[in-house]
C-alpha atoms as a PDB file:
ATOM      1  CA  MET A   1     119.957  91.847 118.038  1.00  0.00           C
ATOM      2  CA  ARG A   2     118.194  92.506 114.728  1.00  0.00           C
ATOM      3  CA  HIS A   3     117.837  95.903 113.036  1.00  0.00           C
ATOM      4  CA  PHE A   4     115.419  96.867 110.238  1.00  0.00           C
ATOM      5  CA  SER A   5     115.671  99.918 107.995  1.00  0.00           C
ATOM      6  CA  ALA A   6     112.669 101.588 106.355  1.00  0.00           C
ATOM      7  CA  GLN A   7     113.912 100.255 103.021  1.00  0.00           C
ATOM      8  CA  SER A   8     114.048  96.642 104.182  1.00  0.00           C
ATOM      9  CA  VAL A   9     110.603  96.894 105.743  1.00  0.00           C
ATOM     10  CA  PHE A  10     109.163  98.303 102.519  1.00  0.00           C
ATOM     11  CA  ALA A  11     110.757  95.445 100.600  1.00  0.00           C
ATOM     12  CA  LEU A  12     108.924  93.058 102.896  1.00  0.00           C
ATOM     13  CA  SER A  13     105.634  94.812 102.123  1.00  0.00           C
ATOM     14  CA  THR A  14     105.925  94.091  98.419  1.00  0.00           C
ATOM     15  CA  LEU A  15     106.522  90.370  98.736  1.00  0.00           C
ATOM     16  CA  VAL A  16     103.895  87.748  97.962  1.00  0.00           C
ATOM     17  CA  LEU A  17     103.246  85.826 101.161  1.00  0.00           C
ATOM     18  CA  LEU A  18     104.696  82.352 101.317  1.00  0.00           C
ATOM     19  CA  PRO A  19     102.693  79.602 103.071  1.00  0.00           C
ATOM     20  CA  CYS A  20     104.778  79.933 106.248  1.00  0.00           C
ATOM     21  CA  ALA A  21     106.291  83.168 107.498  1.00  0.00           C
ATOM     22  CA  ALA A  22     109.067  83.031 110.062  1.00  0.00           C
ATOM     23  CA  ALA A  23     108.255  84.179 113.565  1.00  0.00           C
ATOM     24  CA  THR A  24     109.816  87.397 114.779  1.00  0.00           C
ATOM     25  CA  THR A  25     113.103  86.919 116.611  1.00  0.00           C
ATOM     26  CA  TYR A  26     113.530  88.902 119.819  1.00  0.00           C
ATOM     27  CA  PRO A  27     115.274  90.984 121.043  1.00  0.00           C
ATOM     28  CA  LEU A  28     114.165  93.200 118.164  1.00  0.00           C
ATOM     29  CA  THR A  29     115.287  96.763 117.500  1.00  0.00           C
ATOM     30  CA  VAL A  30     113.633  99.121 115.024  1.00  0.00           C
ATOM     31  CA  THR A  31     113.995 102.836 114.348  1.00  0.00           C
ATOM     32  CA  ASP A  32     110.794 104.851 114.578  1.00  0.00           C
ATOM     33  CA  ASP A  33     109.824 108.002 112.642  1.00  0.00           C
ATOM     34  CA  LEU A  34     111.501 110.212 115.235  1.00  0.00           C
ATOM     35  CA  GLY A  35     114.825 108.452 114.684  1.00  0.00           C
ATOM     36  CA  ARG A  36     114.574 106.702 118.050  1.00  0.00           C
ATOM     37  CA  ARG A  37     115.872 103.136 118.455  1.00  0.00           C
ATOM     38  CA  VAL A  38     113.073 101.073 119.982  1.00  0.00           C
ATOM     39  CA  THR A  39     113.932  97.658 121.431  1.00  0.00           C
ATOM     40  CA  LEU A  40     111.542  94.884 122.370  1.00  0.00           C
ATOM     41  CA  ASN A  41     113.133  92.102 124.432  1.00  0.00           C
ATOM     42  CA  SER A  42     110.203  89.762 123.881  1.00  0.00           C
ATOM     43  CA  GLU A  43     106.870  89.600 122.063  1.00  0.00           C
ATOM     44  CA  PRO A  44     104.631  92.399 123.380  1.00  0.00           C
ATOM     45  CA  LYS A  45     101.561  90.997 125.118  1.00  0.00           C
ATOM     46  CA  ARG A  46     100.094  94.287 126.386  1.00  0.00           C
ATOM     47  CA  ILE A  47      99.804  96.909 123.653  1.00  0.00           C
ATOM     48  CA  ILE A  48      98.136 100.313 123.750  1.00  0.00           C
ATOM     49  CA  ALA A  49      97.345 101.957 120.393  1.00  0.00           C
ATOM     50  CA  MET A  50      97.031 105.737 120.494  1.00  0.00           C
ATOM     51  CA  LEU A  51      95.925 106.174 116.876  1.00  0.00           C
ATOM     52  CA  PRO A  52      92.914 104.660 115.072  1.00  0.00           C
ATOM     53  CA  SER A  53      95.102 103.554 112.148  1.00  0.00           C
ATOM     54  CA  HIS A  54      97.302 101.544 114.503  1.00  0.00           C
ATOM     55  CA  THR A  55      94.256 100.040 116.209  1.00  0.00           C
ATOM     56  CA  GLU A  56      92.702  98.977 112.903  1.00  0.00           C
ATOM     57  CA  THR A  57      95.976  97.549 111.653  1.00  0.00           C
ATOM     58  CA  LEU A  58      96.619  95.461 114.756  1.00  0.00           C
ATOM     59  CA  ILE A  59      93.142  93.974 114.582  1.00  0.00           C
ATOM     60  CA  ALA A  60      93.428  93.297 110.850  1.00  0.00           C
ATOM     61  CA  ILE A  61      96.739  91.423 111.187  1.00  0.00           C
ATOM     62  CA  GLY A  62      95.532  89.220 114.049  1.00  0.00           C
ATOM     63  CA  ALA A  63      97.024  91.050 117.032  1.00  0.00           C
ATOM     64  CA  GLU A  64      93.660  91.902 118.584  1.00  0.00           C
ATOM     65  CA  GLY A  65      94.370  89.736 121.633  1.00  0.00           C
ATOM     66  CA  GLN A  66      97.418  91.852 122.500  1.00  0.00           C
ATOM     67  CA  LEU A  67      95.476  95.136 122.598  1.00  0.00           C
ATOM     68  CA  ILE A  68      94.641  96.264 126.125  1.00  0.00           C
ATOM     69  CA  ALA A  69      93.534  99.873 125.429  1.00  0.00           C
ATOM     70  CA  VAL A  70      93.083 102.375 122.599  1.00  0.00           C
ATOM     71  CA  ASP A  71      92.647 106.101 122.037  1.00  0.00           C
ATOM     72  CA  VAL A  72      89.212 107.738 122.174  1.00  0.00           C
ATOM     73  CA  PHE A  73      88.963 108.020 118.386  1.00  0.00           C
ATOM     74  CA  SER A  74      89.460 104.314 117.706  1.00  0.00           C
ATOM     75  CA  ASN A  75      85.978 103.151 116.713  1.00  0.00           C
ATOM     76  CA  TYR A  76      86.489 100.387 114.142  1.00  0.00           C
ATOM     77  CA  PRO A  77      85.698  97.575 114.213  1.00  0.00           C
ATOM     78  CA  LYS A  78      83.196  98.460 116.914  1.00  0.00           C
ATOM     79  CA  ALA A  79      82.879  94.899 118.202  1.00  0.00           C
ATOM     80  CA  VAL A  80      86.478  95.201 119.391  1.00  0.00           C
ATOM     81  CA  THR A  81      86.944  98.895 120.151  1.00  0.00           C
ATOM     82  CA  ASP A  82      83.742  99.219 122.192  1.00  0.00           C
ATOM     83  CA  ARG A  83      85.034  96.765 124.787  1.00  0.00           C
ATOM     84  CA  LEU A  84      88.524  98.220 125.151  1.00  0.00           C
ATOM     85  CA  PRO A  85      89.419 100.949 127.685  1.00  0.00           C
ATOM     86  CA  LYS A  86      89.907 104.425 126.210  1.00  0.00           C
ATOM     87  CA  VAL A  87      92.965 106.335 127.403  1.00  0.00           C
ATOM     88  CA  GLY A  88      92.633 109.778 125.867  1.00  0.00           C
ATOM     89  CA  SER A  89      94.082 110.970 122.570  1.00  0.00           C
ATOM     90  CA  GLY A  90      97.379 112.015 121.085  1.00  0.00           C
ATOM     91  CA  TYR A  91      96.925 115.611 122.215  1.00  0.00           C
ATOM     92  CA  LYS A  92      95.144 114.784 125.470  1.00  0.00           C
ATOM     93  CA  PRO A  93      96.476 111.435 126.684  1.00  0.00           C
ATOM     94  CA  ASP A  94      95.443 110.036 130.039  1.00  0.00           C
ATOM     95  CA  LEU A  95      99.026 109.383 131.100  1.00  0.00           C
ATOM     96  CA  GLU A  96      98.055 108.081 134.517  1.00  0.00           C
ATOM     97  CA  ALA A  97      95.698 105.490 133.026  1.00  0.00           C
ATOM     98  CA  ILE A  98      98.235 104.472 130.377  1.00  0.00           C
ATOM     99  CA  VAL A  99     100.990 103.904 132.946  1.00  0.00           C
ATOM    100  CA  ALA A 100      98.614 102.059 135.273  1.00  0.00           C
ATOM    101  CA  LEU A 101      97.805  99.510 132.544  1.00  0.00           C
ATOM    102  CA  LYS A 102     101.504  98.531 132.420  1.00  0.00           C
ATOM    103  CA  PRO A 103     101.809  98.180 128.643  1.00  0.00           C
ATOM    104  CA  ASP A 104     104.940  96.606 127.199  1.00  0.00           C
ATOM    105  CA  LEU A 105     104.448  98.579 123.965  1.00  0.00           C
ATOM    106  CA  VAL A 106     102.641 101.820 123.152  1.00  0.00           C
ATOM    107  CA  LEU A 107     102.044 102.802 119.520  1.00  0.00           C
ATOM    108  CA  ALA A 108     101.946 106.581 119.147  1.00  0.00           C
ATOM    109  CA  ASP A 109     102.527 109.233 116.489  1.00  0.00           C
ATOM    110  CA  GLU A 110     105.585 111.232 115.527  1.00  0.00           C
ATOM    111  CA  SER A 111     103.901 114.638 115.804  1.00  0.00           C
ATOM    112  CA  SER A 112     105.974 117.344 117.453  1.00  0.00           C
ATOM    113  CA  GLY A 113     102.688 119.071 118.236  1.00  0.00           C
ATOM    114  CA  SER A 114     101.357 116.342 120.492  1.00  0.00           C
ATOM    115  CA  ARG A 115     104.789 115.272 121.837  1.00  0.00           C
ATOM    116  CA  LEU A 116     103.014 112.065 122.859  1.00  0.00           C
ATOM    117  CA  THR A 117     105.948 109.752 122.193  1.00  0.00           C
ATOM    118  CA  GLU A 118     108.239 111.947 124.276  1.00  0.00           C
ATOM    119  CA  LYS A 119     105.756 112.082 127.168  1.00  0.00           C
ATOM    120  CA  LEU A 120     105.241 108.330 127.233  1.00  0.00           C
ATOM    121  CA  ALA A 121     108.938 107.560 126.959  1.00  0.00           C
ATOM    122  CA  ALA A 122     109.593 109.941 129.847  1.00  0.00           C
ATOM    123  CA  ALA A 123     107.162 107.852 131.886  1.00  0.00           C
ATOM    124  CA  GLY A 124     109.401 104.841 131.332  1.00  0.00           C
ATOM    125  CA  LEU A 125     107.316 103.117 128.659  1.00  0.00           C
ATOM    126  CA  THR A 126     108.469 101.439 125.462  1.00  0.00           C
ATOM    127  CA  VAL A 127     107.013 103.568 122.663  1.00  0.00           C
ATOM    128  CA  TYR A 128     107.086 103.324 118.881  1.00  0.00           C
ATOM    129  CA  GLY A 129     106.328 106.736 117.356  1.00  0.00           C
ATOM    130  CA  GLY A 130     105.318 106.718 113.723  1.00  0.00           C
ATOM    131  CA  THR A 131     102.460 106.911 111.242  1.00  0.00           C
ATOM    132  CA  ALA A 132     102.163 106.723 107.465  1.00  0.00           C
ATOM    133  CA  GLN A 133     102.054 109.993 105.558  1.00  0.00           C
ATOM    134  CA  THR A 134     102.378 108.653 102.010  1.00  0.00           C
ATOM    135  CA  TYR A 135     100.638 105.836 100.142  1.00  0.00           C
ATOM    136  CA  ASN A 136     103.599 103.448 100.192  1.00  0.00           C
ATOM    137  CA  GLU A 137     104.264 104.179 103.857  1.00  0.00           C
ATOM    138  CA  VAL A 138     100.861 102.672 104.684  1.00  0.00           C
ATOM    139  CA  PHE A 139     102.137  99.249 103.643  1.00  0.00           C
ATOM    140  CA  GLU A 140     105.512  99.918 105.224  1.00  0.00           C
ATOM    141  CA  LYS A 141     103.883 100.619 108.591  1.00  0.00           C
ATOM    142  CA  ILE A 142     101.677  97.510 108.369  1.00  0.00           C
ATOM    143  CA  ALA A 143     104.829  95.450 107.846  1.00  0.00           C
ATOM    144  CA  VAL A 144     106.531  97.152 110.804  1.00  0.00           C
ATOM    145  CA  LEU A 145     103.583  96.466 113.123  1.00  0.00           C
ATOM    146  CA  GLY A 146     103.511  92.860 111.945  1.00  0.00           C
ATOM    147  CA  LYS A 147     107.186  92.483 112.801  1.00  0.00           C
ATOM    148  CA  LEU A 148     106.892  94.233 116.180  1.00  0.00           C
ATOM    149  CA  THR A 149     103.958  92.093 117.314  1.00  0.00           C
ATOM    150  CA  ASN A 150     105.047  88.722 115.875  1.00  0.00           C
ATOM    151  CA  HIS A 151     102.245  88.817 113.292  1.00  0.00           C
ATOM    152  CA  GLU A 152     104.354  89.117 110.164  1.00  0.00           C
ATOM    153  CA  ALA A 153     102.276  86.507 108.318  1.00  0.00           C
ATOM    154  CA  GLY A 154      99.075  88.389 109.074  1.00  0.00           C
ATOM    155  CA  ALA A 155     100.672  91.651 107.964  1.00  0.00           C
ATOM    156  CA  LEU A 156     101.877  90.229 104.663  1.00  0.00           C
ATOM    157  CA  ASN A 157      98.488  88.644 104.023  1.00  0.00           C
ATOM    158  CA  LEU A 158      96.795  91.984 104.663  1.00  0.00           C
ATOM    159  CA  ILE A 159      99.223  93.848 102.390  1.00  0.00           C
ATOM    160  CA  THR A 160      98.688  91.359  99.570  1.00  0.00           C
ATOM    161  CA  LYS A 161      94.904  91.531  99.919  1.00  0.00           C
ATOM    162  CA  MET A 162      94.880  95.344 100.029  1.00  0.00           C
ATOM    163  CA  ARG A 163      97.184  95.742  97.028  1.00  0.00           C
ATOM    164  CA  THR A 164      95.107  93.318  94.962  1.00  0.00           C
ATOM    165  CA  GLU A 165      91.862  95.145  95.732  1.00  0.00           C
ATOM    166  CA  LEU A 166      93.396  98.588  95.254  1.00  0.00           C
ATOM    167  CA  ASN A 167      94.924  97.624  91.910  1.00  0.00           C
ATOM    168  CA  THR A 168      91.591  96.251  90.675  1.00  0.00           C
ATOM    169  CA  LEU A 169      89.800  99.453  91.671  1.00  0.00           C
ATOM    170  CA  GLN A 170      92.457 101.650  90.086  1.00  0.00           C
ATOM    171  CA  ALA A 171      92.247  99.683  86.834  1.00  0.00           C
ATOM    172  CA  SER A 172      88.532 100.469  86.606  1.00  0.00           C
ATOM    173  CA  VAL A 173      89.274 104.174  86.061  1.00  0.00           C
ATOM    174  CA  ALA A 174      92.706 103.959  84.431  1.00  0.00           C
ATOM    175  CA  LYS A 175      91.430 104.959  80.974  1.00  0.00           C
ATOM    176  CA  LEU A 176      89.128 107.732  82.175  1.00  0.00           C
ATOM    177  CA  PRO A 177      90.150 111.424  82.099  1.00  0.00           C
ATOM    178  CA  LYS A 178      91.643 112.916  85.243  1.00  0.00           C
ATOM    179  CA  VAL A 179      89.238 115.148  87.173  1.00  0.00           C
ATOM    180  CA  SER A 180      90.629 118.202  88.991  1.00  0.00           C
ATOM    181  CA  THR A 181      89.743 117.731  92.650  1.00  0.00           C
ATOM    182  CA  TYR A 182      89.694 119.818  95.797  1.00  0.00           C
ATOM    183  CA  TYR A 183      89.773 117.608  98.899  1.00  0.00           C
ATOM    184  CA  GLU A 184      88.961 119.428 102.123  1.00  0.00           C
ATOM    185  CA  ILE A 185      90.151 118.062 105.446  1.00  0.00           C
ATOM    186  CA  ASP A 186      88.569 120.934 107.349  1.00  0.00           C
ATOM    187  CA  PRO A 187      87.193 124.394 106.514  1.00  0.00           C
ATOM    188  CA  THR A 188      90.346 126.215 107.688  1.00  0.00           C
ATOM    189  CA  PRO A 189      90.959 125.149 104.821  1.00  0.00           C
ATOM    190  CA  TYR A 190      93.424 122.277 105.091  1.00  0.00           C
ATOM    191  CA  SER A 191      93.733 120.047 102.059  1.00  0.00           C
ATOM    192  CA  VAL A 192      95.951 117.280 100.657  1.00  0.00           C
ATOM    193  CA  GLY A 193      99.026 117.361  98.448  1.00  0.00           C
ATOM    194  CA  PRO A 194      99.585 114.806  95.679  1.00  0.00           C
ATOM    195  CA  ASN A 195     102.238 112.922  97.633  1.00  0.00           C
ATOM    196  CA  SER A 196     100.098 112.347 100.730  1.00  0.00           C
ATOM    197  CA  PHE A 197      98.294 109.027 101.037  1.00  0.00           C
ATOM    198  CA  ILE A 198      94.951 110.777 100.438  1.00  0.00           C
ATOM    199  CA  GLY A 199      96.344 112.643  97.441  1.00  0.00           C
ATOM    200  CA  ALA A 200      97.615 109.350  96.038  1.00  0.00           C
ATOM    201  CA  LEU A 201      94.162 107.818  96.501  1.00  0.00           C
ATOM    202  CA  VAL A 202      92.607 110.767  94.645  1.00  0.00           C
ATOM    203  CA  SER A 203      94.992 110.090  91.760  1.00  0.00           C
ATOM    204  CA  ARG A 204      94.235 106.384  91.777  1.00  0.00           C
ATOM    205  CA  ALA A 205      90.514 107.213  91.720  1.00  0.00           C
ATOM    206  CA  GLY A 206      90.949 109.136  88.488  1.00  0.00           C
ATOM    207  CA  GLY A 207      91.412 112.585  89.989  1.00  0.00           C
ATOM    208  CA  GLN A 208      94.161 115.154  90.383  1.00  0.00           C
ATOM    209  CA  THR A 209      94.403 117.240  93.530  1.00  0.00           C
ATOM    210  CA  ILE A 210      94.599 120.975  92.860  1.00  0.00           C
ATOM    211  CA  VAL A 211      97.300 121.351  95.526  1.00  0.00           C
ATOM    212  CA  PRO A 212     100.871 121.718  94.214  1.00  0.00           C
ATOM    213  CA  ALA A 213     103.300 119.176  95.663  1.00  0.00           C
ATOM    214  CA  ALA A 214     105.550 122.019  96.820  1.00  0.00           C
ATOM    215  CA  LEU A 215     102.982 123.001  99.463  1.00  0.00           C
ATOM    216  CA  GLY A 216     103.429 119.695 101.297  1.00  0.00           C
ATOM    217  CA  ASP A 217     101.273 116.702 102.135  1.00  0.00           C
ATOM    218  CA  PHE A 218      98.591 118.342 104.273  1.00  0.00           C
ATOM    219  CA  PRO A 219      98.839 122.109 103.739  1.00  0.00           C
ATOM    220  CA  LYS A 220      96.657 124.979 104.848  1.00  0.00           C
ATOM    221  CA  LEU A 221      95.571 126.710 101.636  1.00  0.00           C
ATOM    222  CA  ASP A 222      95.028 130.291 100.628  1.00  0.00           C
ATOM    223  CA  PRO A 223      91.336 130.263  99.575  1.00  0.00           C
ATOM    224  CA  GLU A 224      92.345 132.218  96.477  1.00  0.00           C
ATOM    225  CA  LEU A 225      94.297 129.179  95.269  1.00  0.00           C
ATOM    226  CA  ILE A 226      91.078 127.153  95.261  1.00  0.00           C
ATOM    227  CA  VAL A 227      89.229 129.826  93.316  1.00  0.00           C
ATOM    228  CA  LYS A 228      92.004 130.080  90.728  1.00  0.00           C
ATOM    229  CA  ALA A 229      92.233 126.291  90.362  1.00  0.00           C
ATOM    230  CA  ASN A 230      88.460 126.055  89.747  1.00  0.00           C
ATOM    231  CA  PRO A 231      88.149 122.321  90.535  1.00  0.00           C
ATOM    232  CA  GLN A 232      85.658 120.080  88.775  1.00  0.00           C
ATOM    233  CA  VAL A 233      84.900 118.087  91.946  1.00  0.00           C
ATOM    234  CA  MET A 234      85.006 118.919  95.646  1.00  0.00           C
ATOM    235  CA  VAL A 235      85.150 116.328  98.418  1.00  0.00           C
ATOM    236  CA  GLY A 236      84.828 116.876 102.149  1.00  0.00           C
ATOM    237  CA  LEU A 237      82.101 119.506 102.385  1.00  0.00           C
ATOM    238  CA  THR A 238      78.446 120.006 101.488  1.00  0.00           C
ATOM    239  CA  PRO A 239      77.073 121.877  98.456  1.00  0.00           C
ATOM    240  CA  ALA A 240      75.629 124.506 100.802  1.00  0.00           C
ATOM    241  CA  GLU A 241      78.989 125.037 102.504  1.00  0.00           C
ATOM    242  CA  ALA A 242      80.743 125.412  99.154  1.00  0.00           C
ATOM    243  CA  ALA A 243      78.149 127.804  97.735  1.00  0.00           C
ATOM    244  CA  GLY A 244      78.511 130.029 100.798  1.00  0.00           C
ATOM    245  CA  ARG A 245      82.262 130.567 100.428  1.00  0.00           C
ATOM    246  CA  PRO A 246      83.323 133.946  98.979  1.00  0.00           C
ATOM    247  CA  GLY A 247      83.972 133.708  95.245  1.00  0.00           C
ATOM    248  CA  TRP A 248      82.926 130.061  94.963  1.00  0.00           C
ATOM    249  CA  ALA A 249      79.472 130.432  93.428  1.00  0.00           C
ATOM    250  CA  GLY A 250      80.826 130.311  89.886  1.00  0.00           C
ATOM    251  CA  LEU A 251      83.253 127.418  90.340  1.00  0.00           C
ATOM    252  CA  LYS A 252      82.787 124.358  88.129  1.00  0.00           C
ATOM    253  CA  ALA A 253      82.115 121.991  91.017  1.00  0.00           C
ATOM    254  CA  VAL A 254      79.530 124.310  92.543  1.00  0.00           C
ATOM    255  CA  GLN A 255      77.826 124.935  89.209  1.00  0.00           C
ATOM    256  CA  SER A 256      77.631 121.217  88.380  1.00  0.00           C
ATOM    257  CA  GLY A 257      76.752 120.110  91.917  1.00  0.00           C
ATOM    258  CA  LYS A 258      79.729 117.741  92.050  1.00  0.00           C
ATOM    259  CA  ILE A 259      80.380 118.290  95.738  1.00  0.00           C
ATOM    260  CA  TYR A 260      80.464 115.317  98.085  1.00  0.00           C
ATOM    261  CA  LYS A 261      80.446 114.972 101.845  1.00  0.00           C
ATOM    262  CA  PRO A 262      81.656 111.488 102.891  1.00  0.00           C
ATOM    263  CA  THR A 263      79.640 109.515 105.410  1.00  0.00           C
ATOM    264  CA  ASP A 264      81.196 109.122 108.859  1.00  0.00           C
ATOM    265  CA  ASP A 265      82.519 105.659 107.957  1.00  0.00           C
ATOM    266  CA  GLU A 266      83.899 106.898 104.626  1.00  0.00           C
ATOM    267  CA  ARG A 267      85.487 109.906 106.311  1.00  0.00           C
ATOM    268  CA  ASP A 268      87.275 107.674 108.804  1.00  0.00           C
ATOM    269  CA  ALA A 269      88.462 105.313 106.060  1.00  0.00           C
ATOM    270  CA  LEU A 270      89.756 108.261 104.029  1.00  0.00           C
ATOM    271  CA  ALA A 271      91.513 109.879 106.976  1.00  0.00           C
ATOM    272  CA  ARG A 272      93.241 106.786 108.362  1.00  0.00           C
ATOM    273  CA  PRO A 273      96.341 105.342 106.688  1.00  0.00           C
ATOM    274  CA  GLY A 274      95.486 101.726 107.342  1.00  0.00           C
ATOM    275  CA  PRO A 275      93.589  98.601 106.267  1.00  0.00           C
ATOM    276  CA  ARG A 276      90.548 100.457 104.915  1.00  0.00           C
ATOM    277  CA  LEU A 277      92.333 102.134 101.993  1.00  0.00           C
ATOM    278  CA  PRO A 278      90.249 100.058  99.534  1.00  0.00           C
ATOM    279  CA  THR A 279      87.059 101.380 101.160  1.00  0.00           C
ATOM    280  CA  ALA A 280      88.413 104.911 100.807  1.00  0.00           C
ATOM    281  CA  LEU A 281      89.364 104.409  97.152  1.00  0.00           C
ATOM    282  CA  ARG A 282      85.952 102.950  96.338  1.00  0.00           C
ATOM    283  CA  ALA A 283      84.273 106.029  97.827  1.00  0.00           C
ATOM    284  CA  LEU A 284      86.507 108.404  95.860  1.00  0.00           C
ATOM    285  CA  ILE A 285      85.785 106.580  92.605  1.00  0.00           C
ATOM    286  CA  ARG A 286      82.077 106.975  93.293  1.00  0.00           C
ATOM    287  CA  TYR A 287      82.547 110.734  93.706  1.00  0.00           C
ATOM    288  CA  LEU A 288      84.969 111.351  90.843  1.00  0.00           C
ATOM    289  CA  HIS A 289      83.839 108.747  88.308  1.00  0.00           C
ATOM    290  CA  PRO A 290      80.388 107.455  89.270  1.00  0.00           C
ATOM    291  CA  GLU A 291      80.134 105.769  85.870  1.00  0.00           C
ATOM    292  CA  ALA A 292      82.905 103.373  86.961  1.00  0.00           C
ATOM    293  CA  ALA A 293      81.770 102.826  90.575  1.00  0.00           C
ATOM    294  CA  ARG A 294      81.127  99.300  91.734  1.00  0.00           C
END
């Protein structure tokens, strides 16, 4: 039985793909983000993805034919997701429907809030619980999904393509000054730390998130921190929303009008740690350094 550590999987993600990649050998055991040992006795033919990032990754690596259902938020690419059954979400899963579909693998998250992995495992299903939180973990998780589904070649191809495109985009702003940036996930306000995958994208787009790393990857902020930081650019809200916040009228971003609300497609690409990272980075470059946008 084969075992793969996070370190060995990440090493796989940095390799240049050779013409022929070896098929996955089963039984296969991996450790998910909850520290659970997950064993597949054979190649999974009936997979349910309970996160949009997992759905997009499976399709991008060539495992579309193994998908039998997805969560309600999976909407890309529409030609595939529109025809697949929807079985709830991480916080509101349709457990009865999931069990009835008899999946041999369910891809879920590691959130203690949703407890989805625990619920599905209790129902007797084979569940991998884990999502990327950091930039490098995005590639790590793509490699893991490639190994789990016997699509390692597709995963390595995708990783190589993404890294090439991301590096080219990053190079276009490498010599430009860093722009202080407030990225809003929601008006609570939740934002992004520099070590999160979104924070890393902001940096690669020529920005610098105003959130200190010590606050975590996706912290809820004290609004006073935003006022004191006085960011040059704001992303994730409209100019009207920003101007209406107490104490924000005089902030640099509000005064200059450098406030950007992503389109629905851009928002999804920015929020999902998966194959559309280049789309997300391109959007951020357009906001932070429009002179370098392509």
